[in-house]
Amino acid sequence: MNTPRPRPQPNQYKDVEHPFAQYVRILGKGKRGSRSLTFEEATDAFGQILDDQVLDVQLGAFLMLLRVKEESVDELAGFVTATRERLNLPALSVDLDWSSYAGKRKHYPWFLLAALTLAQSGIRVFMHGAAGHTINRLYTENVLPVLGFPICQSADEVQAAIEQYHFAYLPLSVFSPKLGELIELRNVMGLRSPVHTLARLINPFDAPVTLQSIFHPAYRVSHQQTALRLGYANAAVIKGEGGEFERNPDARTLVLGIKDGISYETEWEMLNEARSDVEENFDLDHFISVWKGKSQHTYGEKAVVGTLALALMALQKAQTMEAAMHLAQNMWDSRPRI
């Protein structure tokens, strides 16, 4: 096991340039002089960040320069590669990697009920995310314990949860503490950083299928192309409701995906003719009541079934949208009312 190097101090670099300075210079040299990092540069740069070898002033400059420029595919792939190289996780068999980093503000987290319905059918679902980095949102970590599912704190707990529930959730701060720190800078910087993007792409346990959602449509292509660059064979990227992987019944859903290593694009029709009202407040008792089949929620149940259908297509459990919707509806209707 490598001994961590001491964190550098500013007074060490009065007479010699810090190794990370080159990457700040590449990004910040002006409209004509700046450029994106290569894959190799991005991998090295983010490795230095993860190894705590970068000064705070460099880190802030680097993250915000990237935010203004927007990350390239090579940069994102390099950042994810550096992260994955430093994960200390055992091999664990899961079917689906589901990232959950946005939190919900206008609607309940219906995507969670879709994920749990998949798990009840025997699909091994691994979900990862982070909570609290953006104020006034309801996060997965807030809701799962209310539904009776644990927030895992180790890989062993993930394995136990997968065996018991076919579902496990692990916070980003557990499997990558440094990324956990960086994502918390949202309220310090006032802006999201590339960490919010790259975290969705990590796929810690090498699941054969990944689901990712973005809020800003321009990032769909970046996620899809980065997944291809990373060698992910099957993936689905959508603009999900609130930024989570959740189909919005009130809108068409464009999917940029990968199937057996080949990229594709499909569009799913809206499920509602009129826009639905947002929730005035979150009543998790009502949310649980819908899950248990004791209450109904027209918008929510369409969101669950629609999200299930997207996941089933990504998993290749259905070959057409119609078949996926039919299977999703049957799975939801026949779910155990626990």
Protein backbone atom coordinates (compact mmCIF):
# COMPACT_ATOMS: atom_id res chain seq x y z
CA MET A 1 0.00 0.00 0.00
CA ASN A 2 1.40 3.40 -1.05
CA THR A 3 1.96 5.96 1.70
CA PRO A 4 0.10 9.20 0.90
CA ARG A 5 2.36 12.09 0.01
CA PRO A 6 2.15 15.22 2.17
CA ARG A 7 -0.07 17.94 0.79
CA PRO A 8 1.96 20.69 -0.93
CA GLN A 9 2.15 24.19 0.54
CA PRO A 10 2.23 27.47 -1.45
CA ASN A 11 5.64 28.49 -0.05
CA GLN A 12 7.20 25.45 -1.72
CA TYR A 13 6.71 27.02 -5.15
CA LYS A 14 8.41 30.40 -4.96
CA ASP A 15 11.25 29.34 -7.25
CA VAL A 16 9.82 26.34 -9.12
CA GLU A 17 6.53 25.80 -10.92
CA HIS A 18 3.97 23.49 -9.38
CA PRO A 19 3.35 20.37 -11.57
CA PHE A 20 -0.35 21.23 -11.79
CA ALA A 21 0.22 24.79 -13.01
CA GLN A 22 0.52 23.59 -16.61
CA TYR A 23 -3.07 22.40 -16.61
CA VAL A 24 -4.45 25.67 -15.27
CA ARG A 25 -2.41 27.46 -17.96
CA ILE A 26 -3.72 25.23 -20.75
CA LEU A 27 -7.33 26.00 -19.81
CA GLY A 28 -6.89 29.67 -18.92
CA LYS A 29 -4.51 31.11 -21.51
CA GLY A 30 -7.18 33.22 -23.18
CA LYS A 31 -9.58 32.81 -26.09
CA ARG A 32 -6.86 32.09 -28.62
CA GLY A 33 -4.26 30.41 -26.46
CA SER A 34 -6.36 28.06 -24.36
CA ARG A 35 -7.50 24.58 -25.37
CA SER A 36 -9.07 21.46 -23.92
CA LEU A 37 -6.90 18.89 -22.18
CA THR A 38 -6.00 15.67 -23.93
CA PHE A 39 -7.17 12.40 -22.40
CA GLU A 40 -3.70 11.79 -20.97
CA GLU A 41 -3.44 15.31 -19.54
CA ALA A 42 -6.91 15.07 -18.02
CA THR A 43 -6.09 11.72 -16.42
CA ASP A 44 -2.89 13.08 -14.89
CA ALA A 45 -4.49 16.35 -13.77
CA PHE A 46 -7.41 14.71 -12.04
CA GLY A 47 -5.11 12.11 -10.53
CA GLN A 48 -3.19 14.92 -8.86
CA ILE A 49 -6.46 16.34 -7.52
CA LEU A 50 -7.59 12.98 -6.15
CA ASP A 51 -4.16 12.44 -4.58
CA ASP A 52 -4.49 15.80 -2.79
CA GLN A 53 -1.44 17.24 -4.54
CA VAL A 54 -3.13 20.42 -5.76
CA LEU A 55 -3.36 23.75 -3.95
CA ASP A 56 -6.82 25.10 -3.17
CA VAL A 57 -6.35 28.13 -5.43
CA GLN A 58 -5.37 25.83 -8.32
CA LEU A 59 -8.34 23.56 -7.71
CA GLY A 60 -10.84 26.41 -7.71
CA ALA A 61 -9.38 27.92 -10.87
CA PHE A 62 -9.28 24.55 -12.64
CA LEU A 63 -12.87 23.60 -11.82
CA MET A 64 -14.33 26.96 -12.77
CA LEU A 65 -12.34 27.25 -16.00
CA LEU A 66 -13.75 23.87 -16.96
CA ARG A 67 -17.25 24.99 -15.95
CA VAL A 68 -17.07 28.03 -18.22
CA LYS A 69 -15.54 26.11 -21.13
CA GLU A 70 -17.60 22.92 -20.59
CA GLU A 71 -15.77 19.63 -20.40
CA SER A 72 -14.74 17.79 -23.55
CA VAL A 73 -15.27 14.06 -23.99
CA ASP A 74 -11.53 13.39 -23.59
CA GLU A 75 -11.47 15.45 -20.40
CA LEU A 76 -14.44 13.65 -18.88
CA ALA A 77 -13.05 10.26 -19.88
CA GLY A 78 -9.69 11.17 -18.34
CA PHE A 79 -11.29 12.34 -15.10
CA VAL A 80 -13.36 9.15 -14.82
CA THR A 81 -10.34 6.99 -15.65
CA ALA A 82 -8.26 8.64 -12.92
CA THR A 83 -11.12 8.09 -10.47
CA ARG A 84 -11.64 4.45 -11.40
CA GLU A 85 -7.90 3.76 -11.11
CA ARG A 86 -8.08 4.85 -7.46
CA LEU A 87 -11.21 2.96 -6.43
CA ASN A 88 -10.49 0.28 -3.89
CA LEU A 89 -13.53 -1.91 -4.45
CA PRO A 90 -13.87 -5.69 -4.73
CA ALA A 91 -15.47 -7.38 -7.70
CA LEU A 92 -19.22 -7.47 -7.27
CA SER A 93 -21.81 -8.71 -9.74
CA VAL A 94 -24.53 -6.17 -10.56
CA ASP A 95 -26.73 -5.83 -13.63
CA LEU A 96 -27.44 -2.13 -13.67
CA ASP A 97 -25.54 0.97 -12.57
CA TRP A 98 -27.99 3.78 -11.73
CA SER A 99 -26.55 7.20 -10.84
CA SER A 100 -28.58 9.55 -8.62
CA TYR A 101 -26.97 12.94 -7.98
CA ALA A 102 -29.53 15.64 -8.71
CA GLY A 103 -32.20 15.32 -6.02
CA LYS A 104 -35.84 16.27 -6.62
CA ARG A 105 -37.48 19.67 -6.18
CA LYS A 106 -40.82 19.63 -8.03
CA HIS A 107 -41.88 15.98 -7.97
CA TYR A 108 -41.38 12.96 -5.75
CA PRO A 109 -38.44 10.63 -6.60
CA TRP A 110 -40.59 8.24 -8.64
CA PHE A 111 -37.47 6.81 -10.23
CA LEU A 112 -36.72 5.10 -6.92
CA LEU A 113 -39.91 3.08 -7.18
CA ALA A 114 -38.95 2.08 -10.73
CA ALA A 115 -35.52 0.93 -9.52
CA LEU A 116 -37.00 -1.01 -6.62
CA THR A 117 -39.58 -2.65 -8.89
CA LEU A 118 -36.74 -3.82 -11.13
CA ALA A 119 -34.94 -5.16 -8.08
CA GLN A 120 -38.04 -7.07 -6.97
CA SER A 121 -38.04 -8.78 -10.37
CA GLY A 122 -34.48 -10.05 -9.78
CA ILE A 123 -32.45 -7.35 -11.57
CA ARG A 124 -29.42 -6.45 -9.43
CA VAL A 125 -29.50 -2.66 -9.24
CA PHE A 126 -26.59 -0.66 -7.84
CA MET A 127 -27.28 3.03 -7.23
CA HIS A 128 -24.79 5.70 -6.20
CA GLY A 129 -25.13 9.39 -5.51
CA ALA A 130 -24.60 12.30 -3.17
CA ALA A 131 -26.90 14.35 -0.97
CA GLY A 132 -27.00 17.90 0.29
CA HIS A 133 -24.72 19.55 -2.28
CA THR A 134 -27.61 21.68 -3.61
CA ILE A 135 -30.05 23.23 -1.16
CA ASN A 136 -33.84 22.72 -1.15
CA ARG A 137 -33.83 19.30 -2.78
CA LEU A 138 -35.00 15.87 -1.70
CA TYR A 139 -32.24 13.32 -2.20
CA THR A 140 -32.22 9.56 -2.57
CA GLU A 141 -30.35 9.24 0.72
CA ASN A 142 -33.23 11.02 2.46
CA VAL A 143 -35.89 8.70 1.04
CA LEU A 144 -34.45 5.17 0.99
CA PRO A 145 -34.40 4.70 4.79
CA VAL A 146 -38.06 5.75 4.91
CA LEU A 147 -38.78 3.03 2.36
CA GLY A 148 -36.91 0.53 4.52
CA PHE A 149 -33.67 0.28 2.54
CA PRO A 150 -30.24 0.93 4.07
CA ILE A 151 -27.65 3.48 3.00
CA CYS A 152 -24.59 1.28 2.61
CA GLN A 153 -21.29 2.38 4.14
CA SER A 154 -18.95 -0.22 2.65
CA ALA A 155 -18.59 -2.66 -0.23
CA ASP A 156 -19.45 -5.50 2.14
CA GLU A 157 -22.74 -3.81 2.96
CA VAL A 158 -23.39 -3.35 -0.76
CA GLN A 159 -22.88 -7.07 -1.35
CA ALA A 160 -25.19 -7.94 1.55
CA ALA A 161 -27.88 -5.56 0.28
CA ILE A 162 -27.64 -6.91 -3.27
CA GLU A 163 -28.03 -10.44 -1.94
CA GLN A 164 -31.00 -9.51 0.24
CA TYR A 165 -32.85 -6.90 -1.84
CA HIS A 166 -31.23 -7.05 -5.31
CA PHE A 167 -30.71 -3.33 -4.66
CA ALA A 168 -27.97 -1.31 -2.97
CA TYR A 169 -27.15 2.37 -2.62
CA LEU A 170 -23.64 3.63 -1.83
CA PRO A 171 -22.80 7.33 -1.31
CA LEU A 172 -20.07 8.89 -3.41
CA SER A 173 -18.30 9.96 -0.22
CA VAL A 174 -17.82 6.32 0.74
CA PHE A 175 -16.23 4.95 -2.43
CA SER A 176 -14.43 8.18 -3.39
CA PRO A 177 -14.01 10.47 -0.36
CA LYS A 178 -12.18 13.15 -2.36
CA LEU A 179 -14.99 13.38 -4.90
CA GLY A 180 -17.38 13.54 -1.98
CA GLU A 181 -15.50 16.62 -0.76
CA LEU A 182 -15.40 18.21 -4.20
CA ILE A 183 -19.11 17.84 -4.90
CA GLU A 184 -19.82 19.69 -1.65
CA LEU A 185 -18.16 22.79 -3.13
CA ARG A 186 -21.41 23.54 -4.99
CA ASN A 187 -22.55 25.98 -2.31
CA VAL A 188 -19.07 27.46 -1.94
CA MET A 189 -18.53 28.15 -5.64
CA GLY A 190 -22.14 28.99 -6.43
CA LEU A 191 -21.87 26.73 -9.48
CA ARG A 192 -21.77 23.04 -10.19
CA SER A 193 -18.40 21.66 -11.27
CA PRO A 194 -17.36 18.80 -13.58
CA VAL A 195 -17.64 16.48 -10.57
CA HIS A 196 -21.42 16.49 -10.97
CA THR A 197 -20.94 15.16 -14.50
CA LEU A 198 -18.11 12.68 -14.05
CA ALA A 199 -19.61 11.10 -10.92
CA ARG A 200 -22.52 9.83 -12.98
CA LEU A 201 -20.10 8.02 -15.29
CA ILE A 202 -17.94 6.17 -12.76
CA ASN A 203 -19.80 2.81 -12.81
CA PRO A 204 -17.87 1.60 -9.72
CA PHE A 205 -18.72 -2.11 -10.04
CA ASP A 206 -18.48 -2.37 -13.85
CA ALA A 207 -22.16 -3.06 -14.44
CA PRO A 208 -22.90 -4.07 -18.05
CA VAL A 209 -25.60 -1.40 -18.31
CA THR A 210 -25.51 2.19 -17.02
CA LEU A 211 -28.28 4.78 -16.66
CA GLN A 212 -27.41 8.47 -16.53
CA SER A 213 -29.47 11.63 -16.47
CA ILE A 214 -28.63 15.24 -17.10
CA PHE A 215 -30.58 18.46 -16.62
CA HIS A 216 -29.02 20.56 -19.39
CA PRO A 217 -29.73 18.93 -22.79
CA ALA A 218 -26.28 19.75 -24.22
CA TYR A 219 -24.70 17.28 -21.82
CA ARG A 220 -26.56 14.28 -23.31
CA VAL A 221 -24.04 13.96 -26.12
CA SER A 222 -21.08 14.39 -23.74
CA HIS A 223 -22.34 11.59 -21.50
CA GLN A 224 -23.04 9.23 -24.38
CA GLN A 225 -19.73 9.85 -26.13
CA THR A 226 -17.75 9.63 -22.89
CA ALA A 227 -19.41 6.30 -22.08
CA LEU A 228 -18.33 5.09 -25.52
CA ARG A 229 -14.80 6.42 -24.92
CA LEU A 230 -14.70 4.50 -21.62
CA GLY A 231 -15.76 1.28 -23.35
CA TYR A 232 -19.20 0.97 -21.76
CA ALA A 233 -21.17 -1.45 -23.93
CA ASN A 234 -24.72 -0.47 -22.91
CA ALA A 235 -25.97 2.86 -21.62
CA ALA A 236 -28.92 5.23 -21.70
CA VAL A 237 -28.69 8.99 -21.19
CA ILE A 238 -31.77 11.21 -20.86
CA LYS A 239 -32.80 14.67 -19.71
CA GLY A 240 -34.64 13.31 -16.70
CA GLU A 241 -37.12 15.13 -14.51
CA GLY A 242 -35.15 17.38 -12.18
CA GLY A 243 -31.90 15.87 -13.43
CA GLU A 244 -32.60 12.34 -12.16
CA PHE A 245 -33.03 9.31 -14.41
CA GLU A 246 -36.80 9.63 -14.43
CA ARG A 247 -39.08 9.88 -17.43
CA ASN A 248 -41.21 13.01 -17.36
CA PRO A 249 -44.74 12.04 -18.47
CA ASP A 250 -45.39 15.64 -19.54
CA ALA A 251 -42.61 15.74 -22.14
CA ARG A 252 -41.04 13.74 -24.92
CA THR A 253 -37.95 11.85 -23.77
CA LEU A 254 -34.93 11.74 -26.05
CA VAL A 255 -32.59 8.83 -25.30
CA LEU A 256 -28.97 8.91 -26.41
CA GLY A 257 -27.85 5.38 -25.81
CA ILE A 258 -25.35 2.64 -26.49
CA LYS A 259 -26.39 -0.90 -27.35
CA ASP A 260 -23.68 -3.55 -27.63
CA GLY A 261 -21.08 -0.85 -28.22
CA ILE A 262 -23.05 0.99 -30.91
CA SER A 263 -24.54 4.43 -30.26
CA TYR A 264 -28.19 5.17 -31.04
CA GLU A 265 -30.86 7.83 -30.56
CA THR A 266 -34.58 7.32 -29.92
CA GLU A 267 -37.45 9.52 -28.80
CA TRP A 268 -40.30 8.41 -26.56
CA GLU A 269 -43.65 10.19 -26.76
CA MET A 270 -45.11 12.17 -23.87
CA LEU A 271 -47.58 10.27 -21.71
CA ASN A 272 -49.74 13.24 -20.66
CA GLU A 273 -51.48 15.77 -22.88
CA ALA A 274 -51.39 18.55 -20.28
CA ARG A 275 -48.67 19.64 -17.89
CA SER A 276 -49.06 18.27 -14.38
CA ASP A 277 -49.03 20.35 -11.21
CA VAL A 278 -45.87 20.29 -9.12
CA GLU A 279 -45.97 19.13 -5.52
CA GLU A 280 -46.60 21.89 -3.00
CA ASN A 281 -44.71 19.86 -0.41
CA PHE A 282 -43.34 16.36 -0.03
CA ASP A 283 -45.40 13.97 2.07
CA LEU A 284 -43.36 10.79 2.20
CA ASP A 285 -46.20 8.94 3.89
CA HIS A 286 -48.23 9.44 0.73
CA PHE A 287 -45.25 8.41 -1.41
CA ILE A 288 -44.91 5.17 0.57
CA SER A 289 -48.66 4.62 0.35
CA VAL A 290 -48.44 4.71 -3.45
CA TRP A 291 -45.55 2.22 -3.32
CA LYS A 292 -47.62 -0.12 -1.18
CA GLY A 293 -50.64 0.17 -3.47
CA LYS A 294 -52.80 1.89 -0.86
CA SER A 295 -52.96 5.24 -2.69
CA GLN A 296 -52.82 6.40 -6.29
CA HIS A 297 -50.90 9.17 -7.99
CA THR A 298 -51.66 9.62 -11.69
CA TYR A 299 -48.52 11.55 -12.58
CA GLY A 300 -46.27 9.47 -10.34
CA GLU A 301 -47.39 6.07 -11.57
CA LYS A 302 -46.92 7.16 -15.18
CA ALA A 303 -43.44 8.35 -14.27
CA VAL A 304 -42.65 5.01 -12.63
CA VAL A 305 -43.89 2.92 -15.54
CA GLY A 306 -42.24 5.18 -18.11
CA THR A 307 -38.93 5.05 -16.27
CA LEU A 308 -39.19 1.28 -15.91
CA ALA A 309 -39.72 1.00 -19.66
CA LEU A 310 -36.56 3.03 -20.36
CA ALA A 311 -34.55 0.79 -18.03
CA LEU A 312 -35.96 -2.39 -19.55
CA MET A 313 -34.96 -1.24 -23.03
CA ALA A 314 -31.44 -0.43 -21.82
CA LEU A 315 -31.27 -3.90 -20.23
CA GLN A 316 -32.51 -5.43 -23.51
CA LYS A 317 -35.47 -7.04 -21.71
CA ALA A 318 -37.70 -5.62 -24.44
CA GLN A 319 -36.99 -4.87 -28.09
CA THR A 320 -39.63 -2.21 -28.82
CA MET A 321 -41.02 0.76 -26.91
CA GLU A 322 -44.48 -0.79 -26.93
CA ALA A 323 -43.20 -4.07 -25.51
CA ALA A 324 -41.17 -2.21 -22.89
CA MET A 325 -44.18 -0.18 -21.77
CA HIS A 326 -46.37 -3.31 -21.59
CA LEU A 327 -43.77 -5.21 -19.55
CA ALA A 328 -43.19 -2.20 -17.30
CA GLN A 329 -46.91 -1.84 -16.59
CA ASN A 330 -47.20 -5.53 -15.76
CA MET A 331 -44.19 -5.34 -13.43
CA TRP A 332 -45.63 -2.33 -11.62
CA ASP A 333 -49.12 -3.83 -11.34
CA SER A 334 -47.81 -7.15 -10.04
CA ARG A 335 -45.18 -5.80 -7.63
CA PRO A 336 -45.27 -7.14 -4.06
CA ARG A 337 -47.13 -4.69 -1.82
CA ILE A 338 -44.55 -4.74 0.98
